Amino acid sequence: MQELSVNEYLKKHIRTVADWPAPGVQFRDITPLLQDPKVFRVLIDAFVHRYMDRGMRPDVVAGLDARGFILGAVVAYELNIGFIPIRKKGKLPFTTVAETYELEYGSATVELHIDAVKAGDKVLLIDDLIATGGTMMAGRSLLEKLGATVMEGAAIVNLPELGGADRLRASGLPLFTLVDFDGV
């Protein structure tokens, strides 16, 4: 039996749902990665091992609403550092800063507590998937408004055809992704 790379192994466990949430969309469903304990450990370890090294070690992990919470909280726990949720508008109870960004049809707003990071903190910004890059760009902007530095953006899946990863890299944000899927 041929051994798979970590990336191939994870890709094999991502389910594609055709025509969801709209006709013509190939939805990349990461929930199978979370359901199997062995696969989930391989996924988390792929991120943790990258960020354990001194030069790549963040001060804190920020996760984007909502699947970025799952990944980010576990990665932060394993690295023994704090976790910060970046939420959809109206979900945080304390004073926040907000950033609105454009979606394919309309716009969305994300928020962050004003005391979530300190000036100079090195932040790993994590989400499940990069499509157009808008959510990650907005999260980065929020963190930078508070004086933090986003050292890298990370995601399980990149959808190269939508251009988000290229857009984020062009803005100066280093990116780490595990799986590319062609087609939208």
C-alpha atoms as a PDB file:
ATOM      1  CA  MET A   1       0.000   0.000   0.000  1.00  0.00           C
ATOM      2  CA  GLN A   2       1.319   3.421  -0.950  1.00  0.00           C
ATOM      3  CA  GLU A   3       1.658   5.842   1.946  1.00  0.00           C
ATOM      4  CA  LEU A   4      -0.121   9.190   1.596  1.00  0.00           C
ATOM      5  CA  SER A   5       1.374  12.528   2.523  1.00  0.00           C
ATOM      6  CA  VAL A   6      -0.390  14.396   5.331  1.00  0.00           C
ATOM      7  CA  ASN A   7      -1.924  16.719   2.735  1.00  0.00           C
ATOM      8  CA  GLU A   8      -3.220  13.833   0.594  1.00  0.00           C
ATOM      9  CA  TYR A   9      -4.497  12.015   3.688  1.00  0.00           C
ATOM     10  CA  LEU A  10      -6.460  15.065   4.826  1.00  0.00           C
ATOM     11  CA  LYS A  11      -7.787  15.808   1.340  1.00  0.00           C
ATOM     12  CA  LYS A  12      -9.097  12.237   1.125  1.00  0.00           C
ATOM     13  CA  HIS A  13     -11.215  12.941   4.224  1.00  0.00           C
ATOM     14  CA  ILE A  14     -12.808  16.206   3.014  1.00  0.00           C
ATOM     15  CA  ARG A  15     -16.263  15.671   1.602  1.00  0.00           C
ATOM     16  CA  THR A  16     -17.402  17.524  -1.520  1.00  0.00           C
ATOM     17  CA  VAL A  17     -21.109  18.383  -1.587  1.00  0.00           C
ATOM     18  CA  ALA A  18     -22.290  19.335  -5.071  1.00  0.00           C
ATOM     19  CA  ASP A  19     -24.664  22.248  -5.615  1.00  0.00           C
ATOM     20  CA  TRP A  20     -24.607  23.493  -2.020  1.00  0.00           C
ATOM     21  CA  PRO A  21     -25.440  26.137  -0.899  1.00  0.00           C
ATOM     22  CA  ALA A  22     -26.278  27.099  -4.500  1.00  0.00           C
ATOM     23  CA  PRO A  23     -26.309  25.362  -7.895  1.00  0.00           C
ATOM     24  CA  GLY A  24     -22.830  25.021  -9.369  1.00  0.00           C
ATOM     25  CA  VAL A  25     -21.009  25.310  -6.019  1.00  0.00           C
ATOM     26  CA  GLN A  26     -18.781  22.431  -4.899  1.00  0.00           C
ATOM     27  CA  PHE A  27     -18.874  22.809  -1.096  1.00  0.00           C
ATOM     28  CA  ARG A  28     -15.755  21.482   0.658  1.00  0.00           C
ATOM     29  CA  ASP A  29     -17.030  20.017   3.918  1.00  0.00           C
ATOM     30  CA  ILE A  30     -14.372  19.641   6.628  1.00  0.00           C
ATOM     31  CA  THR A  31     -16.637  17.972   9.203  1.00  0.00           C
ATOM     32  CA  PRO A  32     -15.352  14.456   8.339  1.00  0.00           C
ATOM     33  CA  LEU A  33     -11.886  15.670   9.438  1.00  0.00           C
ATOM     34  CA  LEU A  34     -13.319  16.410  12.870  1.00  0.00           C
ATOM     35  CA  GLN A  35     -15.410  13.254  13.291  1.00  0.00           C
ATOM     36  CA  ASP A  36     -12.629  10.680  13.160  1.00  0.00           C
ATOM     37  CA  PRO A  37     -10.217  11.016  16.117  1.00  0.00           C
ATOM     38  CA  LYS A  38      -7.176   9.828  14.136  1.00  0.00           C
ATOM     39  CA  VAL A  39      -7.859  12.209  11.242  1.00  0.00           C
ATOM     40  CA  PHE A  40      -8.571  15.080  13.647  1.00  0.00           C
ATOM     41  CA  ARG A  41      -5.236  14.482  15.408  1.00  0.00           C
ATOM     42  CA  VAL A  42      -3.348  14.425  12.082  1.00  0.00           C
ATOM     43  CA  LEU A  43      -5.035  17.725  11.157  1.00  0.00           C
ATOM     44  CA  ILE A  44      -4.246  19.468  14.431  1.00  0.00           C
ATOM     45  CA  ASP A  45      -0.697  18.084  14.530  1.00  0.00           C
ATOM     46  CA  ALA A  46      -0.035  19.481  11.031  1.00  0.00           C
ATOM     47  CA  PHE A  47      -0.656  22.976  12.421  1.00  0.00           C
ATOM     48  CA  VAL A  48       0.895  22.476  15.865  1.00  0.00           C
ATOM     49  CA  HIS A  49       4.167  21.080  14.533  1.00  0.00           C
ATOM     50  CA  ARG A  50       4.543  24.081  12.231  1.00  0.00           C
ATOM     51  CA  TYR A  51       4.061  26.615  15.023  1.00  0.00           C
ATOM     52  CA  MET A  52       6.070  24.885  17.762  1.00  0.00           C
ATOM     53  CA  ASP A  53       9.379  26.114  16.371  1.00  0.00           C
ATOM     54  CA  ARG A  54      10.668  29.235  18.079  1.00  0.00           C
ATOM     55  CA  GLY A  55      10.780  31.314  14.874  1.00  0.00           C
ATOM     56  CA  MET A  56       7.182  30.425  13.970  1.00  0.00           C
ATOM     57  CA  ARG A  57       5.668  30.472  17.469  1.00  0.00           C
ATOM     58  CA  PRO A  58       2.814  32.963  17.892  1.00  0.00           C
ATOM     59  CA  ASP A  59       1.918  34.713  21.137  1.00  0.00           C
ATOM     60  CA  VAL A  60      -1.768  33.977  20.573  1.00  0.00           C
ATOM     61  CA  VAL A  61      -4.085  32.281  18.069  1.00  0.00           C
ATOM     62  CA  ALA A  62      -7.097  34.104  16.636  1.00  0.00           C
ATOM     63  CA  GLY A  63      -9.873  32.033  15.067  1.00  0.00           C
ATOM     64  CA  LEU A  64     -12.429  33.299  12.573  1.00  0.00           C
ATOM     65  CA  ASP A  65     -16.122  32.625  13.195  1.00  0.00           C
ATOM     66  CA  ALA A  66     -17.048  29.778  13.261  1.00  0.00           C
ATOM     67  CA  ARG A  67     -14.959  26.837  12.096  1.00  0.00           C
ATOM     68  CA  GLY A  68     -11.774  28.777  12.834  1.00  0.00           C
ATOM     69  CA  PHE A  69     -12.838  28.489  16.489  1.00  0.00           C
ATOM     70  CA  ILE A  70     -12.614  24.702  16.362  1.00  0.00           C
ATOM     71  CA  LEU A  71      -9.130  24.661  14.880  1.00  0.00           C
ATOM     72  CA  GLY A  72      -7.769  27.728  16.612  1.00  0.00           C
ATOM     73  CA  ALA A  73      -8.817  26.761  20.122  1.00  0.00           C
ATOM     74  CA  VAL A  74      -7.252  23.303  19.869  1.00  0.00           C
ATOM     75  CA  VAL A  75      -4.048  24.616  18.269  1.00  0.00           C
ATOM     76  CA  ALA A  76      -3.752  27.311  20.962  1.00  0.00           C
ATOM     77  CA  TYR A  77      -4.301  24.713  23.679  1.00  0.00           C
ATOM     78  CA  GLU A  78      -1.624  22.442  22.231  1.00  0.00           C
ATOM     79  CA  LEU A  79       0.828  25.360  21.965  1.00  0.00           C
ATOM     80  CA  ASN A  80      -0.056  26.469  25.514  1.00  0.00           C
ATOM     81  CA  ILE A  81      -1.013  29.974  24.396  1.00  0.00           C
ATOM     82  CA  GLY A  82      -4.234  31.993  24.427  1.00  0.00           C
ATOM     83  CA  PHE A  83      -7.098  31.917  21.942  1.00  0.00           C
ATOM     84  CA  ILE A  84      -9.085  34.883  20.616  1.00  0.00           C
ATOM     85  CA  PRO A  85     -12.439  34.546  18.826  1.00  0.00           C
ATOM     86  CA  ILE A  86     -13.161  36.939  15.965  1.00  0.00           C
ATOM     87  CA  ARG A  87     -16.964  36.906  15.841  1.00  0.00           C
ATOM     88  CA  LYS A  88     -19.742  37.910  13.520  1.00  0.00           C
ATOM     89  CA  LYS A  89     -21.271  41.273  14.390  1.00  0.00           C
ATOM     90  CA  GLY A  90     -23.348  41.420  17.553  1.00  0.00           C
ATOM     91  CA  LYS A  91     -22.005  38.271  19.231  1.00  0.00           C
ATOM     92  CA  LEU A  92     -19.406  39.730  21.621  1.00  0.00           C
ATOM     93  CA  PRO A  93     -20.581  41.212  24.946  1.00  0.00           C
ATOM     94  CA  PHE A  94     -17.777  43.717  25.635  1.00  0.00           C
ATOM     95  CA  THR A  95     -16.527  46.802  23.765  1.00  0.00           C
ATOM     96  CA  THR A  96     -15.393  45.850  20.259  1.00  0.00           C
ATOM     97  CA  VAL A  97     -13.716  47.066  17.110  1.00  0.00           C
ATOM     98  CA  ALA A  98     -15.439  46.110  13.859  1.00  0.00           C
ATOM     99  CA  GLU A  99     -14.486  45.561  10.241  1.00  0.00           C
ATOM    100  CA  THR A 100     -16.914  45.250   7.346  1.00  0.00           C
ATOM    101  CA  TYR A 101     -15.912  43.403   4.206  1.00  0.00           C
ATOM    102  CA  GLU A 102     -17.505  42.545   0.882  1.00  0.00           C
ATOM    103  CA  LEU A 103     -18.974  39.182   0.041  1.00  0.00           C
ATOM    104  CA  GLU A 104     -20.018  37.933  -3.366  1.00  0.00           C
ATOM    105  CA  TYR A 105     -23.556  39.171  -2.647  1.00  0.00           C
ATOM    106  CA  GLY A 106     -23.490  41.951  -0.032  1.00  0.00           C
ATOM    107  CA  SER A 107     -21.248  42.474   2.955  1.00  0.00           C
ATOM    108  CA  ALA A 108     -20.510  41.114   6.425  1.00  0.00           C
ATOM    109  CA  THR A 109     -18.980  42.510   9.599  1.00  0.00           C
ATOM    110  CA  VAL A 110     -16.669  40.840  12.119  1.00  0.00           C
ATOM    111  CA  GLU A 111     -15.753  42.098  15.576  1.00  0.00           C
ATOM    112  CA  LEU A 112     -13.044  41.686  18.172  1.00  0.00           C
ATOM    113  CA  HIS A 113     -12.919  42.737  21.829  1.00  0.00           C
ATOM    114  CA  ILE A 114     -10.734  45.829  22.270  1.00  0.00           C
ATOM    115  CA  ASP A 115      -8.631  44.044  24.903  1.00  0.00           C
ATOM    116  CA  ALA A 116      -8.150  40.829  22.900  1.00  0.00           C
ATOM    117  CA  VAL A 117      -4.495  41.498  22.035  1.00  0.00           C
ATOM    118  CA  LYS A 118      -1.710  43.762  23.176  1.00  0.00           C
ATOM    119  CA  ALA A 119       0.353  45.971  20.911  1.00  0.00           C
ATOM    120  CA  GLY A 120       3.207  43.912  19.518  1.00  0.00           C
ATOM    121  CA  ASP A 121       1.548  40.503  19.953  1.00  0.00           C
ATOM    122  CA  LYS A 122       2.402  38.012  17.194  1.00  0.00           C
ATOM    123  CA  VAL A 123      -0.864  36.412  16.090  1.00  0.00           C
ATOM    124  CA  LEU A 124      -1.626  33.296  14.092  1.00  0.00           C
ATOM    125  CA  LEU A 125      -4.941  33.897  12.279  1.00  0.00           C
ATOM    126  CA  ILE A 126      -6.738  30.645  11.453  1.00  0.00           C
ATOM    127  CA  ASP A 127      -9.838  29.579   9.547  1.00  0.00           C
ATOM    128  CA  ASP A 128     -11.079  26.425   7.848  1.00  0.00           C
ATOM    129  CA  LEU A 129     -11.023  27.660   4.252  1.00  0.00           C
ATOM    130  CA  ILE A 130      -9.765  30.495   2.069  1.00  0.00           C
ATOM    131  CA  ALA A 131     -12.098  31.420  -0.775  1.00  0.00           C
ATOM    132  CA  THR A 132     -12.017  35.125  -1.680  1.00  0.00           C
ATOM    133  CA  GLY A 133      -9.891  36.003   1.358  1.00  0.00           C
ATOM    134  CA  GLY A 134     -12.324  38.639   2.629  1.00  0.00           C
ATOM    135  CA  THR A 135     -12.896  37.178   6.088  1.00  0.00           C
ATOM    136  CA  MET A 136      -9.205  36.666   6.771  1.00  0.00           C
ATOM    137  CA  MET A 137      -8.376  40.153   5.464  1.00  0.00           C
ATOM    138  CA  ALA A 138     -10.998  41.639   7.812  1.00  0.00           C
ATOM    139  CA  GLY A 139      -9.680  39.648  10.768  1.00  0.00           C
ATOM    140  CA  ARG A 140      -6.156  40.797  10.042  1.00  0.00           C
ATOM    141  CA  SER A 141      -7.319  44.409   9.869  1.00  0.00           C
ATOM    142  CA  LEU A 142      -9.012  44.128  13.288  1.00  0.00           C
ATOM    143  CA  LEU A 143      -5.911  42.674  14.916  1.00  0.00           C
ATOM    144  CA  GLU A 144      -3.690  45.342  13.378  1.00  0.00           C
ATOM    145  CA  LYS A 145      -6.058  48.108  14.580  1.00  0.00           C
ATOM    146  CA  LEU A 146      -5.222  46.931  18.097  1.00  0.00           C
ATOM    147  CA  GLY A 147      -1.464  46.952  17.410  1.00  0.00           C
ATOM    148  CA  ALA A 148      -0.888  43.229  16.918  1.00  0.00           C
ATOM    149  CA  THR A 149       1.057  41.700  14.039  1.00  0.00           C
ATOM    150  CA  VAL A 150      -0.502  38.839  12.115  1.00  0.00           C
ATOM    151  CA  MET A 151       2.534  36.638  11.543  1.00  0.00           C
ATOM    152  CA  GLU A 152       0.674  34.204   9.292  1.00  0.00           C
ATOM    153  CA  GLY A 153      -2.753  33.191   8.094  1.00  0.00           C
ATOM    154  CA  ALA A 154      -3.556  29.483   8.148  1.00  0.00           C
ATOM    155  CA  ALA A 155      -6.370  27.330   6.804  1.00  0.00           C
ATOM    156  CA  ILE A 156      -7.092  23.725   5.981  1.00  0.00           C
ATOM    157  CA  VAL A 157      -8.420  24.368   2.477  1.00  0.00           C
ATOM    158  CA  ASN A 158      -7.471  26.843  -0.228  1.00  0.00           C
ATOM    159  CA  LEU A 159      -9.723  27.375  -3.257  1.00  0.00           C
ATOM    160  CA  PRO A 160      -7.131  28.819  -5.687  1.00  0.00           C
ATOM    161  CA  GLU A 161      -9.634  29.639  -8.444  1.00  0.00           C
ATOM    162  CA  LEU A 162     -11.323  32.222  -6.202  1.00  0.00           C
ATOM    163  CA  GLY A 163      -8.049  34.122  -5.757  1.00  0.00           C
ATOM    164  CA  GLY A 164      -8.209  34.689  -2.008  1.00  0.00           C
ATOM    165  CA  ALA A 165      -4.806  33.214  -1.222  1.00  0.00           C
ATOM    166  CA  ASP A 166      -3.175  35.290  -3.962  1.00  0.00           C
ATOM    167  CA  ARG A 167      -4.934  38.417  -2.686  1.00  0.00           C
ATOM    168  CA  LEU A 168      -3.804  37.774   0.905  1.00  0.00           C
ATOM    169  CA  ARG A 169      -0.209  37.058  -0.127  1.00  0.00           C
ATOM    170  CA  ALA A 170      -0.181  40.191  -2.316  1.00  0.00           C
ATOM    171  CA  SER A 171      -1.187  42.187   0.773  1.00  0.00           C
ATOM    172  CA  GLY A 172       1.933  40.883   2.526  1.00  0.00           C
ATOM    173  CA  LEU A 173       0.310  38.156   4.645  1.00  0.00           C
ATOM    174  CA  PRO A 174       2.191  34.849   4.639  1.00  0.00           C
ATOM    175  CA  LEU A 175      -0.187  31.894   4.294  1.00  0.00           C
ATOM    176  CA  PHE A 176      -0.078  28.244   5.245  1.00  0.00           C
ATOM    177  CA  THR A 177      -2.709  25.895   3.837  1.00  0.00           C
ATOM    178  CA  LEU A 178      -2.854  22.118   3.790  1.00  0.00           C
ATOM    179  CA  VAL A 179      -5.106  21.249   0.848  1.00  0.00           C
ATOM    180  CA  ASP A 180      -5.873  22.928  -2.490  1.00  0.00           C
ATOM    181  CA  PHE A 181      -9.120  22.154  -4.294  1.00  0.00           C
ATOM    182  CA  ASP A 182      -9.592  23.185  -7.909  1.00  0.00           C
ATOM    183  CA  GLY A 183     -13.085  24.213  -8.905  1.00  0.00           C
ATOM    184  CA  VAL A 184     -15.591  26.249  -6.921  1.00  0.00           C
END
